[in-house]
Protein backbone atom coordinates (compact mmCIF):
# COMPACT_ATOMS: atom_id res chain seq x y z
CA UNK A 1 19.40 -86.64 -161.64
CA UNK A 2 18.71 -85.40 -158.10
CA UNK A 3 16.42 -82.65 -159.47
CA UNK A 4 14.40 -85.26 -161.30
CA UNK A 5 14.23 -87.47 -158.20
CA UNK A 6 13.09 -84.54 -156.08
CA UNK A 7 10.39 -83.66 -158.59
CA UNK A 8 9.18 -87.26 -158.69
CA UNK A 9 9.10 -87.38 -154.88
CA UNK A 10 7.09 -84.16 -154.75
CA UNK A 11 4.63 -85.46 -157.34
CA UNK A 12 4.22 -88.68 -155.36
CA UNK A 13 3.52 -86.83 -152.12
CA UNK A 14 0.97 -84.58 -153.84
CA UNK A 15 -0.71 -87.58 -155.42
CA UNK A 16 -1.02 -89.36 -152.08
CA UNK A 17 -2.29 -86.20 -150.39
CA UNK A 18 -5.07 -85.95 -152.95
CA UNK A 19 -6.20 -89.53 -152.35
CA UNK A 20 -7.43 -89.06 -148.79
CA UNK A 21 -11.21 -88.91 -148.40
CA UNK A 22 -12.64 -86.08 -146.31
CA UNK A 23 -14.97 -87.06 -143.51
CA UNK A 24 -18.16 -85.01 -143.54
CA UNK A 25 -19.79 -86.87 -140.67
CA UNK A 26 -18.26 -84.53 -138.12
CA UNK A 27 -20.16 -81.58 -139.61
CA UNK A 28 -23.74 -80.70 -138.76
CA UNK A 29 -25.98 -78.13 -140.38
CA UNK A 30 -26.62 -74.90 -138.50
CA UNK A 31 -29.81 -72.89 -138.50
CA UNK A 32 -28.59 -70.38 -141.10
CA UNK A 33 -27.64 -73.00 -143.71
CA UNK A 34 -30.74 -72.27 -145.76
CA UNK A 35 -29.80 -68.60 -146.10
CA UNK A 36 -26.18 -69.46 -146.86
CA UNK A 37 -27.26 -71.86 -149.64
CA UNK A 38 -29.61 -69.22 -151.03
CA UNK A 39 -26.82 -66.62 -151.08
CA UNK A 40 -24.34 -69.04 -152.65
CA UNK A 41 -26.80 -70.01 -155.37
CA UNK A 42 -27.62 -66.36 -156.05
CA UNK A 43 -23.91 -65.61 -156.53
CA UNK A 44 -23.47 -68.70 -158.71
CA UNK A 45 -26.45 -67.80 -160.89
CA UNK A 46 -25.26 -64.19 -161.20
CA UNK A 47 -21.89 -65.46 -162.45
CA UNK A 48 -23.55 -67.82 -164.93
CA UNK A 49 -25.82 -65.07 -166.25
CA UNK A 50 -22.88 -62.66 -166.58
CA UNK A 51 -20.76 -65.23 -168.44
CA UNK A 52 -23.59 -65.88 -170.91
CA UNK A 53 -24.12 -62.18 -171.49
CA UNK A 54 -27.63 -62.23 -170.00
CA UNK A 55 -28.99 -59.51 -167.70
CA UNK A 56 -28.50 -60.32 -164.01
CA UNK A 57 -32.09 -59.52 -163.03
CA UNK A 58 -34.21 -60.17 -166.14
CA UNK A 59 -37.84 -59.15 -166.39
CA UNK A 60 -40.41 -61.95 -165.89
CA UNK A 61 -41.62 -61.56 -169.49
CA UNK A 62 -38.26 -62.54 -170.95
CA UNK A 63 -36.91 -66.05 -171.61
CA UNK A 64 -33.85 -65.16 -169.52
CA UNK A 65 -36.08 -65.09 -166.42
CA UNK A 66 -37.06 -68.74 -166.90
CA UNK A 67 -33.42 -69.67 -167.51
CA UNK A 68 -32.31 -67.92 -164.30
CA UNK A 69 -35.08 -69.63 -162.34
CA UNK A 70 -34.09 -73.04 -163.73
CA UNK A 71 -30.38 -72.56 -162.95
CA UNK A 72 -31.21 -71.36 -159.43
CA UNK A 73 -33.48 -74.35 -158.83
CA UNK A 74 -30.77 -76.73 -160.01
CA UNK A 75 -28.27 -75.15 -157.62
CA UNK A 76 -30.63 -75.41 -154.64
CA UNK A 77 -31.49 -79.04 -155.42
CA UNK A 78 -27.78 -79.80 -155.67
CA UNK A 79 -27.40 -78.42 -152.14
CA UNK A 80 -30.15 -80.74 -150.92
CA UNK A 81 -33.21 -78.50 -150.89
CA UNK A 82 -36.62 -79.38 -152.30
CA UNK A 83 -38.94 -76.77 -153.84
CA UNK A 84 -41.64 -75.42 -151.50
């Protein structure tokens, strides 16, 4: 029974640890955040394109180009950027 009690205690501690809310107010954006977001979105879009079996850098004449542009725009908006 002690193994079961130990497992329950561990699960309880992990559950309580996951309930704390992180405080983002102590963080401020640096000057290179725009470039970091651009690089992160590029990596994210590359992964999405690869998983779907699409070319990573499609030609502008293909429908994959519009899809890549849409996914990239969604990622940048999610990071708080507006289109220029």
